[in-house]
Amino acid sequence: MHGYSGHTFKLVNKDGKFVYTQWHFRADKGFKTLTTAKAGELSGTNPDYGIQTLFEDIEKGNFPSWTVYIVRLSLSQRSGMANAYDILLFRSFLPLATGGQ
């Protein structure tokens, strides 16, 4: 499953310069979704299906991994924005930079 920070963070270097950041975590192996019917069925018969399949994959040696991406916004980029903390605006026009795995 992919994930991202629900908040904007401020990273500050030793010189006091900073950037606003958001963090994205993308599953390296992708992810699959269930149909509405299957999700409804599993919610009643096996509500721990997602956790179960994760544990089964790990037992088989199929370990999950994610690549981390960072969206950075400098103070100069922010000056033209009404709200640098608006998560939707922030993600919409800035590129993702690879942060690692």
PDB file of N, CA and C in Angstrom:
ATOM      1  N   MET A   1       0.841  -1.168   0.000  1.00  0.00           N
ATOM      2  CA  MET A   1       0.000   0.000   0.000  1.00  0.00           C
ATOM      3  C   MET A   1       0.889   1.235   0.000  1.00  0.00           C
ATOM      4  N   HIS A   2       0.530   2.215  -0.805  1.00  0.00           N
ATOM      5  CA  HIS A   2       1.248   3.489  -0.813  1.00  0.00           C
ATOM      6  C   HIS A   2       0.810   4.318   0.391  1.00  0.00           C
ATOM      7  N   GLY A   3       1.632   5.268   0.751  1.00  0.00           N
ATOM      8  CA  GLY A   3       1.274   6.169   1.833  1.00  0.00           C
ATOM      9  C   GLY A   3       1.948   7.513   1.641  1.00  0.00           C
ATOM     10  N   TYR A   4       1.523   8.497   2.379  1.00  0.00           N
ATOM     11  CA  TYR A   4       2.152   9.806   2.339  1.00  0.00           C
ATOM     12  C   TYR A   4       1.883  10.527   3.649  1.00  0.00           C
ATOM     13  N   SER A   5       2.719  11.522   3.907  1.00  0.00           N
ATOM     14  CA  SER A   5       2.526  12.289   5.136  1.00  0.00           C
ATOM     15  C   SER A   5       1.265  13.122   4.993  1.00  0.00           C
ATOM     16  N   GLY A   6       0.484  13.126   6.011  1.00  0.00           N
ATOM     17  CA  GLY A   6      -0.741  13.909   5.995  1.00  0.00           C
ATOM     18  C   GLY A   6      -0.506  15.358   6.373  1.00  0.00           C
ATOM     19  N   HIS A   7       0.724  15.679   6.699  1.00  0.00           N
ATOM     20  CA  HIS A   7       1.068  17.033   7.119  1.00  0.00           C
ATOM     21  C   HIS A   7       2.287  17.506   6.343  1.00  0.00           C
ATOM     22  N   THR A   8       2.509  18.795   6.360  1.00  0.00           N
ATOM     23  CA  THR A   8       3.713  19.384   5.789  1.00  0.00           C
ATOM     24  C   THR A   8       4.721  19.547   6.915  1.00  0.00           C
ATOM     25  N   PHE A   9       5.966  19.176   6.646  1.00  0.00           N
ATOM     26  CA  PHE A   9       7.026  19.285   7.641  1.00  0.00           C
ATOM     27  C   PHE A   9       8.034  20.333   7.204  1.00  0.00           C
ATOM     28  N   LYS A  10       8.756  20.869   8.140  1.00  0.00           N
ATOM     29  CA  LYS A  10       9.779  21.871   7.870  1.00  0.00           C
ATOM     30  C   LYS A  10      11.127  21.263   8.254  1.00  0.00           C
ATOM     31  N   LEU A  11      12.025  21.120   7.273  1.00  0.00           N
ATOM     32  CA  LEU A  11      13.363  20.615   7.536  1.00  0.00           C
ATOM     33  C   LEU A  11      14.339  21.789   7.546  1.00  0.00           C
ATOM     34  N   VAL A  12      15.157  21.851   8.580  1.00  0.00           N
ATOM     35  CA  VAL A  12      16.075  22.969   8.764  1.00  0.00           C
ATOM     36  C   VAL A  12      17.506  22.441   8.777  1.00  0.00           C
ATOM     37  N   ASN A  13      18.397  23.074   7.994  1.00  0.00           N
ATOM     38  CA  ASN A  13      19.804  22.653   8.014  1.00  0.00           C
ATOM     39  C   ASN A  13      20.567  23.412   9.091  1.00  0.00           C
ATOM     40  N   LYS A  14      21.854  23.124   9.225  1.00  0.00           N
ATOM     41  CA  LYS A  14      22.646  23.717  10.302  1.00  0.00           C
ATOM     42  C   LYS A  14      22.791  25.227  10.168  1.00  0.00           C
ATOM     43  N   ASP A  15      22.583  25.761   8.946  1.00  0.00           N
ATOM     44  CA  ASP A  15      22.678  27.207   8.727  1.00  0.00           C
ATOM     45  C   ASP A  15      21.343  27.914   8.943  1.00  0.00           C
ATOM     46  N   GLY A  16      20.323  27.164   9.335  1.00  0.00           N
ATOM     47  CA  GLY A  16      19.022  27.752   9.578  1.00  0.00           C
ATOM     48  C   GLY A  16      18.148  27.885   8.339  1.00  0.00           C
ATOM     49  N   LYS A  17      18.665  27.455   7.190  1.00  0.00           N
ATOM     50  CA  LYS A  17      17.844  27.490   5.972  1.00  0.00           C
ATOM     51  C   LYS A  17      16.895  26.303   6.002  1.00  0.00           C
ATOM     52  N   PHE A  18      15.710  26.498   5.448  1.00  0.00           N
ATOM     53  CA  PHE A  18      14.720  25.441   5.547  1.00  0.00           C
ATOM     54  C   PHE A  18      13.940  25.261   4.257  1.00  0.00           C
ATOM     55  N   VAL A  19      13.309  24.107   4.168  1.00  0.00           N
ATOM     56  CA  VAL A  19      12.348  23.805   3.108  1.00  0.00           C
ATOM     57  C   VAL A  19      11.163  23.123   3.758  1.00  0.00           C
ATOM     58  N   TYR A  20      10.012  23.319   3.157  1.00  0.00           N
ATOM     59  CA  TYR A  20       8.829  22.582   3.566  1.00  0.00           C
ATOM     60  C   TYR A  20       8.841  21.267   2.795  1.00  0.00           C
ATOM     61  N   THR A  21       8.422  20.201   3.435  1.00  0.00           N
ATOM     62  CA  THR A  21       8.463  18.895   2.782  1.00  0.00           C
ATOM     63  C   THR A  21       7.184  18.111   3.032  1.00  0.00           C
ATOM     64  N   GLN A  22       6.935  17.217   2.107  1.00  0.00           N
ATOM     65  CA  GLN A  22       5.933  16.172   2.293  1.00  0.00           C
ATOM     66  C   GLN A  22       6.591  14.871   1.862  1.00  0.00           C
ATOM     67  N   TRP A  23       6.224  13.800   2.494  1.00  0.00           N
ATOM     68  CA  TRP A  23       6.856  12.508   2.286  1.00  0.00           C
ATOM     69  C   TRP A  23       5.870  11.533   1.663  1.00  0.00           C
ATOM     70  N   HIS A  24       6.344  10.809   0.673  1.00  0.00           N
ATOM     71  CA  HIS A  24       5.529   9.816  -0.018  1.00  0.00           C
ATOM     72  C   HIS A  24       6.241   8.475   0.061  1.00  0.00           C
ATOM     73  N   PHE A  25       5.493   7.427   0.268  1.00  0.00           N
ATOM     74  CA  PHE A  25       6.026   6.067   0.360  1.00  0.00           C
ATOM     75  C   PHE A  25       5.302   5.227  -0.677  1.00  0.00           C
ATOM     76  N   ARG A  26       6.034   4.778  -1.679  1.00  0.00           N
ATOM     77  CA  ARG A  26       5.426   4.005  -2.759  1.00  0.00           C
ATOM     78  C   ARG A  26       5.893   2.555  -2.656  1.00  0.00           C
ATOM     79  N   ALA A  27       4.937   1.656  -2.629  1.00  0.00           N
ATOM     80  CA  ALA A  27       5.250   0.225  -2.542  1.00  0.00           C
ATOM     81  C   ALA A  27       5.982  -0.201  -3.809  1.00  0.00           C
ATOM     82  N   ASP A  28       7.141  -0.814  -3.636  1.00  0.00           N
ATOM     83  CA  ASP A  28       7.961  -1.215  -4.783  1.00  0.00           C
ATOM     84  C   ASP A  28       7.293  -2.294  -5.630  1.00  0.00           C
ATOM     85  N   LYS A  29       6.507  -3.118  -5.008  1.00  0.00           N
ATOM     86  CA  LYS A  29       5.847  -4.202  -5.734  1.00  0.00           C
ATOM     87  C   LYS A  29       4.429  -3.830  -6.147  1.00  0.00           C
ATOM     88  N   GLY A  30       4.088  -2.562  -5.969  1.00  0.00           N
ATOM     89  CA  GLY A  30       2.742  -2.133  -6.308  1.00  0.00           C
ATOM     90  C   GLY A  30       1.745  -2.633  -5.269  1.00  0.00           C
ATOM     91  N   PHE A  31       0.493  -2.531  -5.595  1.00  0.00           N
ATOM     92  CA  PHE A  31      -0.536  -3.041  -4.705  1.00  0.00           C
ATOM     93  C   PHE A  31      -1.747  -3.398  -5.542  1.00  0.00           C
ATOM     94  N   LYS A  32      -2.560  -4.248  -4.978  1.00  0.00           N
ATOM     95  CA  LYS A  32      -3.780  -4.630  -5.682  1.00  0.00           C
ATOM     96  C   LYS A  32      -4.975  -4.257  -4.810  1.00  0.00           C
ATOM     97  N   THR A  33      -6.061  -3.984  -5.478  1.00  0.00           N
ATOM     98  CA  THR A  33      -7.276  -3.632  -4.758  1.00  0.00           C
ATOM     99  C   THR A  33      -8.310  -4.736  -4.935  1.00  0.00           C
ATOM    100  N   LEU A  34      -9.275  -4.725  -4.073  1.00  0.00           N
ATOM    101  CA  LEU A  34     -10.357  -5.704  -4.127  1.00  0.00           C
ATOM    102  C   LEU A  34     -11.583  -5.073  -4.769  1.00  0.00           C
ATOM    103  N   THR A  35     -12.404  -5.899  -5.353  1.00  0.00           N
ATOM    104  CA  THR A  35     -13.684  -5.396  -5.828  1.00  0.00           C
ATOM    105  C   THR A  35     -14.542  -5.056  -4.612  1.00  0.00           C
ATOM    106  N   THR A  36     -15.542  -4.254  -4.818  1.00  0.00           N
ATOM    107  CA  THR A  36     -16.447  -3.892  -3.721  1.00  0.00           C
ATOM    108  C   THR A  36     -17.096  -5.138  -3.134  1.00  0.00           C
ATOM    109  N   ALA A  37     -17.486  -6.060  -4.010  1.00  0.00           N
ATOM    110  CA  ALA A  37     -18.136  -7.292  -3.537  1.00  0.00           C
ATOM    111  C   ALA A  37     -17.179  -8.125  -2.691  1.00  0.00           C
ATOM    112  N   LYS A  38     -15.932  -8.276  -3.163  1.00  0.00           N
ATOM    113  CA  LYS A  38     -14.953  -9.087  -2.425  1.00  0.00           C
ATOM    114  C   LYS A  38     -14.608  -8.429  -1.089  1.00  0.00           C
ATOM    115  N   ALA A  39     -14.445  -7.104  -1.084  1.00  0.00           N
ATOM    116  CA  ALA A  39     -14.149  -6.386   0.159  1.00  0.00           C
ATOM    117  C   ALA A  39     -15.289  -6.562   1.161  1.00  0.00           C
ATOM    118  N   GLY A  40     -16.525  -6.498   0.686  1.00  0.00           N
ATOM    119  CA  GLY A  40     -17.677  -6.705   1.561  1.00  0.00           C
ATOM    120  C   GLY A  40     -17.701  -8.106   2.136  1.00  0.00           C
ATOM    121  N   GLU A  41     -17.385  -9.074   1.294  1.00  0.00           N
ATOM    122  CA  GLU A  41     -17.348 -10.472   1.753  1.00  0.00           C
ATOM    123  C   GLU A  41     -16.269 -10.669   2.809  1.00  0.00           C
ATOM    124  N   LEU A  42     -15.070 -10.175   2.539  1.00  0.00           N
ATOM    125  CA  LEU A  42     -13.960 -10.357   3.477  1.00  0.00           C
ATOM    126  C   LEU A  42     -14.169  -9.610   4.780  1.00  0.00           C
ATOM    127  N   SER A  43     -14.869  -8.487   4.734  1.00  0.00           N
ATOM    128  CA  SER A  43     -15.096  -7.742   5.979  1.00  0.00           C
ATOM    129  C   SER A  43     -15.914  -8.558   6.970  1.00  0.00           C
ATOM    130  N   GLY A  44     -16.736  -9.470   6.443  1.00  0.00           N
ATOM    131  CA  GLY A  44     -17.535 -10.319   7.323  1.00  0.00           C
ATOM    132  C   GLY A  44     -16.893 -11.656   7.628  1.00  0.00           C
ATOM    133  N   THR A  45     -16.082 -12.172   6.717  1.00  0.00           N
ATOM    134  CA  THR A  45     -15.506 -13.507   6.903  1.00  0.00           C
ATOM    135  C   THR A  45     -14.060 -13.494   7.383  1.00  0.00           C
ATOM    136  N   ASN A  46     -13.289 -12.478   6.997  1.00  0.00           N
ATOM    137  CA  ASN A  46     -11.878 -12.421   7.366  1.00  0.00           C
ATOM    138  C   ASN A  46     -11.426 -10.963   7.427  1.00  0.00           C
ATOM    139  N   PRO A  47     -11.819 -10.241   8.478  1.00  0.00           N
ATOM    140  CA  PRO A  47     -11.486  -8.822   8.554  1.00  0.00           C
ATOM    141  C   PRO A  47      -9.978  -8.547   8.635  1.00  0.00           C
ATOM    142  N   ASP A  48      -9.180  -9.566   8.950  1.00  0.00           N
ATOM    143  CA  ASP A  48      -7.724  -9.402   9.021  1.00  0.00           C
ATOM    144  C   ASP A  48      -7.035  -9.859   7.746  1.00  0.00           C
ATOM    145  N   TYR A  49      -7.743  -9.888   6.639  1.00  0.00           N
ATOM    146  CA  TYR A  49      -7.218 -10.383   5.370  1.00  0.00           C
ATOM    147  C   TYR A  49      -5.920  -9.674   4.961  1.00  0.00           C
ATOM    148  N   GLY A  50      -5.888  -8.360   5.055  1.00  0.00           N
ATOM    149  CA  GLY A  50      -4.691  -7.608   4.666  1.00  0.00           C
ATOM    150  C   GLY A  50      -3.478  -7.964   5.503  1.00  0.00           C
ATOM    151  N   ILE A  51      -3.665  -8.072   6.797  1.00  0.00           N
ATOM    152  CA  ILE A  51      -2.571  -8.448   7.704  1.00  0.00           C
ATOM    153  C   ILE A  51      -2.171  -9.897   7.445  1.00  0.00           C
ATOM    154  N   GLN A  52      -3.134 -10.752   7.250  1.00  0.00           N
ATOM    155  CA  GLN A  52      -2.864 -12.168   6.989  1.00  0.00           C
ATOM    156  C   GLN A  52      -2.008 -12.338   5.744  1.00  0.00           C
ATOM    157  N   THR A  53      -2.387 -11.681   4.656  1.00  0.00           N
ATOM    158  CA  THR A  53      -1.621 -11.835   3.416  1.00  0.00           C
ATOM    159  C   THR A  53      -0.223 -11.252   3.561  1.00  0.00           C
ATOM    160  N   LEU A  54      -0.067 -10.174   4.335  1.00  0.00           N
ATOM    161  CA  LEU A  54       1.256  -9.607   4.588  1.00  0.00           C
ATOM    162  C   LEU A  54       2.135 -10.628   5.312  1.00  0.00           C
ATOM    163  N   PHE A  55       1.612 -11.247   6.370  1.00  0.00           N
ATOM    164  CA  PHE A  55       2.374 -12.233   7.119  1.00  0.00           C
ATOM    165  C   PHE A  55       2.702 -13.451   6.257  1.00  0.00           C
ATOM    166  N   GLU A  56       1.750 -13.886   5.443  1.00  0.00           N
ATOM    167  CA  GLU A  56       1.998 -15.030   4.567  1.00  0.00           C
ATOM    168  C   GLU A  56       3.099 -14.720   3.562  1.00  0.00           C
ATOM    169  N   ASP A  57       3.083 -13.531   2.999  1.00  0.00           N
ATOM    170  CA  ASP A  57       4.137 -13.140   2.054  1.00  0.00           C
ATOM    171  C   ASP A  57       5.500 -13.106   2.741  1.00  0.00           C
ATOM    172  N   ILE A  58       5.565 -12.567   3.947  1.00  0.00           N
ATOM    173  CA  ILE A  58       6.832 -12.494   4.683  1.00  0.00           C
ATOM    174  C   ILE A  58       7.349 -13.901   4.991  1.00  0.00           C
ATOM    175  N   GLU A  59       6.448 -14.808   5.397  1.00  0.00           N
ATOM    176  CA  GLU A  59       6.854 -16.189   5.665  1.00  0.00           C
ATOM    177  C   GLU A  59       7.436 -16.864   4.423  1.00  0.00           C
ATOM    178  N   LYS A  60       6.964 -16.471   3.240  1.00  0.00           N
ATOM    179  CA  LYS A  60       7.470 -17.029   1.979  1.00  0.00           C
ATOM    180  C   LYS A  60       8.760 -16.345   1.526  1.00  0.00           C
ATOM    181  N   GLY A  61       9.227 -15.343   2.265  1.00  0.00           N
ATOM    182  CA  GLY A  61      10.426 -14.607   1.886  1.00  0.00           C
ATOM    183  C   GLY A  61      10.141 -13.468   0.924  1.00  0.00           C
ATOM    184  N   ASN A  62       8.889 -13.164   0.718  1.00  0.00           N
ATOM    185  CA  ASN A  62       8.475 -12.089  -0.178  1.00  0.00           C
ATOM    186  C   ASN A  62       8.274 -10.818   0.659  1.00  0.00           C
ATOM    187  N   PHE A  63       9.382 -10.152   0.966  1.00  0.00           N
ATOM    188  CA  PHE A  63       9.349  -9.025   1.902  1.00  0.00           C
ATOM    189  C   PHE A  63       8.875  -7.742   1.231  1.00  0.00           C
ATOM    190  N   PRO A  64       8.057  -6.980   1.929  1.00  0.00           N
ATOM    191  CA  PRO A  64       7.605  -5.702   1.360  1.00  0.00           C
ATOM    192  C   PRO A  64       8.720  -4.661   1.436  1.00  0.00           C
ATOM    193  N   SER A  65       8.696  -3.729   0.518  1.00  0.00           N
ATOM    194  CA  SER A  65       9.620  -2.596   0.581  1.00  0.00           C
ATOM    195  C   SER A  65       8.948  -1.394  -0.064  1.00  0.00           C
ATOM    196  N   TRP A  66       9.415  -0.232   0.324  1.00  0.00           N
ATOM    197  CA  TRP A  66       8.864   1.010  -0.185  1.00  0.00           C
ATOM    198  C   TRP A  66      10.006   1.922  -0.588  1.00  0.00           C
ATOM    199  N   THR A  67       9.781   2.730  -1.597  1.00  0.00           N
ATOM    200  CA  THR A  67      10.714   3.793  -1.952  1.00  0.00           C
ATOM    201  C   THR A  67      10.128   5.094  -1.412  1.00  0.00           C
ATOM    202  N   VAL A  68      11.001   5.872  -0.794  1.00  0.00           N
ATOM    203  CA  VAL A  68      10.582   7.134  -0.196  1.00  0.00           C
ATOM    204  C   VAL A  68      10.836   8.256  -1.190  1.00  0.00           C
ATOM    205  N   TYR A  69       9.835   9.088  -1.356  1.00  0.00           N
ATOM    206  CA  TYR A  69       9.955  10.275  -2.194  1.00  0.00           C
ATOM    207  C   TYR A  69       9.642  11.493  -1.348  1.00  0.00           C
ATOM    208  N   ILE A  70      10.298  12.598  -1.682  1.00  0.00           N
ATOM    209  CA  ILE A  70      10.120  13.830  -0.917  1.00  0.00           C
ATOM    210  C   ILE A  70       9.711  14.932  -1.880  1.00  0.00           C
ATOM    211  N   VAL A  71       8.705  15.685  -1.496  1.00  0.00           N
ATOM    212  CA  VAL A  71       8.331  16.900  -2.215  1.00  0.00           C
ATOM    213  C   VAL A  71       8.886  18.054  -1.393  1.00  0.00           C
ATOM    214  N   ARG A  72       9.665  18.922  -2.047  1.00  0.00           N
ATOM    215  CA  ARG A  72      10.285  20.043  -1.329  1.00  0.00           C
ATOM    216  C   ARG A  72       9.754  21.368  -1.861  1.00  0.00           C
ATOM    217  N   LEU A  73       9.526  22.285  -0.951  1.00  0.00           N
ATOM    218  CA  LEU A  73       9.052  23.617  -1.305  1.00  0.00           C
ATOM    219  C   LEU A  73       9.925  24.632  -0.581  1.00  0.00           C
ATOM    220  N   SER A  74      10.649  25.446  -1.341  1.00  0.00           N
ATOM    221  CA  SER A  74      11.522  26.454  -0.726  1.00  0.00           C
ATOM    222  C   SER A  74      10.710  27.682  -0.326  1.00  0.00           C
ATOM    223  N   LEU A  75      11.333  28.535   0.446  1.00  0.00           N
ATOM    224  CA  LEU A  75      10.668  29.762   0.876  1.00  0.00           C
ATOM    225  C   LEU A  75      10.323  30.638  -0.323  1.00  0.00           C
ATOM    226  N   SER A  76      11.201  30.689  -1.319  1.00  0.00           N
ATOM    227  CA  SER A  76      10.923  31.515  -2.502  1.00  0.00           C
ATOM    228  C   SER A  76       9.751  30.934  -3.302  1.00  0.00           C
ATOM    229  N   GLN A  77       9.647  29.618  -3.380  1.00  0.00           N
ATOM    230  CA  GLN A  77       8.515  29.008  -4.067  1.00  0.00           C
ATOM    231  C   GLN A  77       7.214  29.259  -3.300  1.00  0.00           C
ATOM    232  N   ARG A  78       7.313  29.279  -2.002  1.00  0.00           N
ATOM    233  CA  ARG A  78       6.138  29.451  -1.155  1.00  0.00           C
ATOM    234  C   ARG A  78       5.576  30.856  -1.236  1.00  0.00           C
ATOM    235  N   SER A  79       6.417  31.840  -1.504  1.00  0.00           N
ATOM    236  CA  SER A  79       5.977  33.235  -1.438  1.00  0.00           C
ATOM    237  C   SER A  79       4.788  33.538  -2.345  1.00  0.00           C
ATOM    238  N   GLY A  80       4.639  32.820  -3.426  1.00  0.00           N
ATOM    239  CA  GLY A  80       3.519  33.059  -4.320  1.00  0.00           C
ATOM    240  C   GLY A  80       2.261  32.279  -3.973  1.00  0.00           C
ATOM    241  N   MET A  81       2.327  31.473  -2.935  1.00  0.00           N
ATOM    242  CA  MET A  81       1.191  30.623  -2.571  1.00  0.00           C
ATOM    243  C   MET A  81       0.383  31.236  -1.438  1.00  0.00           C
ATOM    244  N   ALA A  82      -0.896  31.042  -1.489  1.00  0.00           N
ATOM    245  CA  ALA A  82      -1.764  31.535  -0.414  1.00  0.00           C
ATOM    246  C   ALA A  82      -1.560  30.721   0.859  1.00  0.00           C
ATOM    247  N   ASN A  83      -1.312  29.403   0.710  1.00  0.00           N
ATOM    248  CA  ASN A  83      -1.199  28.535   1.874  1.00  0.00           C
ATOM    249  C   ASN A  83      -0.239  27.393   1.564  1.00  0.00           C
ATOM    250  N   ALA A  84       0.989  27.480   2.046  1.00  0.00           N
ATOM    251  CA  ALA A  84       1.999  26.455   1.771  1.00  0.00           C
ATOM    252  C   ALA A  84       1.689  25.154   2.486  1.00  0.00           C
ATOM    253  N   TYR A  85       0.756  25.184   3.403  1.00  0.00           N
ATOM    254  CA  TYR A  85       0.427  23.971   4.141  1.00  0.00           C
ATOM    255  C   TYR A  85      -0.719  23.205   3.504  1.00  0.00           C
ATOM    256  N   ASP A  86      -1.261  23.723   2.409  1.00  0.00           N
ATOM    257  CA  ASP A  86      -2.357  23.038   1.721  1.00  0.00           C
ATOM    258  C   ASP A  86      -1.795  21.824   0.998  1.00  0.00           C
ATOM    259  N   ILE A  87      -2.084  20.642   1.521  1.00  0.00           N
ATOM    260  CA  ILE A  87      -1.483  19.410   1.016  1.00  0.00           C
ATOM    261  C   ILE A  87      -1.832  19.158  -0.453  1.00  0.00           C
ATOM    262  N   LEU A  88      -3.000  19.552  -0.884  1.00  0.00           N
ATOM    263  CA  LEU A  88      -3.388  19.306  -2.271  1.00  0.00           C
ATOM    264  C   LEU A  88      -2.645  20.224  -3.233  1.00  0.00           C
ATOM    265  N   LEU A  89      -2.495  21.486  -2.887  1.00  0.00           N
ATOM    266  CA  LEU A  89      -1.736  22.403  -3.740  1.00  0.00           C
ATOM    267  C   LEU A  89      -0.267  22.028  -3.783  1.00  0.00           C
ATOM    268  N   PHE A  90       0.260  21.659  -2.664  1.00  0.00           N
ATOM    269  CA  PHE A  90       1.670  21.325  -2.521  1.00  0.00           C
ATOM    270  C   PHE A  90       2.050  20.193  -3.475  1.00  0.00           C
ATOM    271  N   ARG A  91       1.261  19.148  -3.507  1.00  0.00           N
ATOM    272  CA  ARG A  91       1.586  17.966  -4.312  1.00  0.00           C
ATOM    273  C   ARG A  91       1.315  18.164  -5.788  1.00  0.00           C
ATOM    274  N   SER A  92       0.473  19.114  -6.121  1.00  0.00           N
ATOM    275  CA  SER A  92      -0.011  19.194  -7.488  1.00  0.00           C
ATOM    276  C   SER A  92       0.998  19.719  -8.497  1.00  0.00           C
ATOM    277  N   PHE A  93       1.976  20.529  -8.060  1.00  0.00           N
ATOM    278  CA  PHE A  93       2.870  21.127  -9.057  1.00  0.00           C
ATOM    279  C   PHE A  93       4.346  20.900  -8.784  1.00  0.00           C
ATOM    280  N   LEU A  94       4.703  20.277  -7.702  1.00  0.00           N
ATOM    281  CA  LEU A  94       6.110  20.037  -7.392  1.00  0.00           C
ATOM    282  C   LEU A  94       6.470  18.576  -7.672  1.00  0.00           C
ATOM    283  N   PRO A  95       7.663  18.341  -8.194  1.00  0.00           N
ATOM    284  CA  PRO A  95       8.060  16.955  -8.507  1.00  0.00           C
ATOM    285  C   PRO A  95       8.444  16.169  -7.248  1.00  0.00           C
ATOM    286  N   LEU A  96       8.333  14.857  -7.365  1.00  0.00           N
ATOM    287  CA  LEU A  96       8.801  13.978  -6.296  1.00  0.00           C
ATOM    288  C   LEU A  96      10.289  13.720  -6.490  1.00  0.00           C
ATOM    289  N   ALA A  97      11.070  13.874  -5.441  1.00  0.00           N
ATOM    290  CA  ALA A  97      12.500  13.563  -5.472  1.00  0.00           C
ATOM    291  C   ALA A  97      12.698  12.263  -4.710  1.00  0.00           C
ATOM    292  N   THR A  98      13.482  11.364  -5.263  1.00  0.00           N
ATOM    293  CA  THR A  98      13.727  10.085  -4.597  1.00  0.00           C
ATOM    294  C   THR A  98      14.551  10.301  -3.343  1.00  0.00           C
ATOM    295  N   GLY A  99      14.065   9.738  -2.234  1.00  0.00           N
ATOM    296  CA  GLY A  99      14.746   9.879  -0.960  1.00  0.00           C
ATOM    297  C   GLY A  99      15.472   8.617  -0.536  1.00  0.00           C
ATOM    298  N   GLY A 100      15.093   7.468  -1.079  1.00  0.00           N
ATOM    299  CA  GLY A 100      15.742   6.211  -0.719  1.00  0.00           C
ATOM    300  C   GLY A 100      14.738   5.106  -0.574  1.00  0.00           C
ATOM    301  N   GLN A 101      15.242   3.944  -0.179  1.00  0.00           N
ATOM    302  CA  GLN A 101      14.382   2.773  -0.040  1.00  0.00           C
ATOM    303  C   GLN A 101      14.502   2.217   1.352  1.00  0.00           C
TER     304      GLN A 101
END
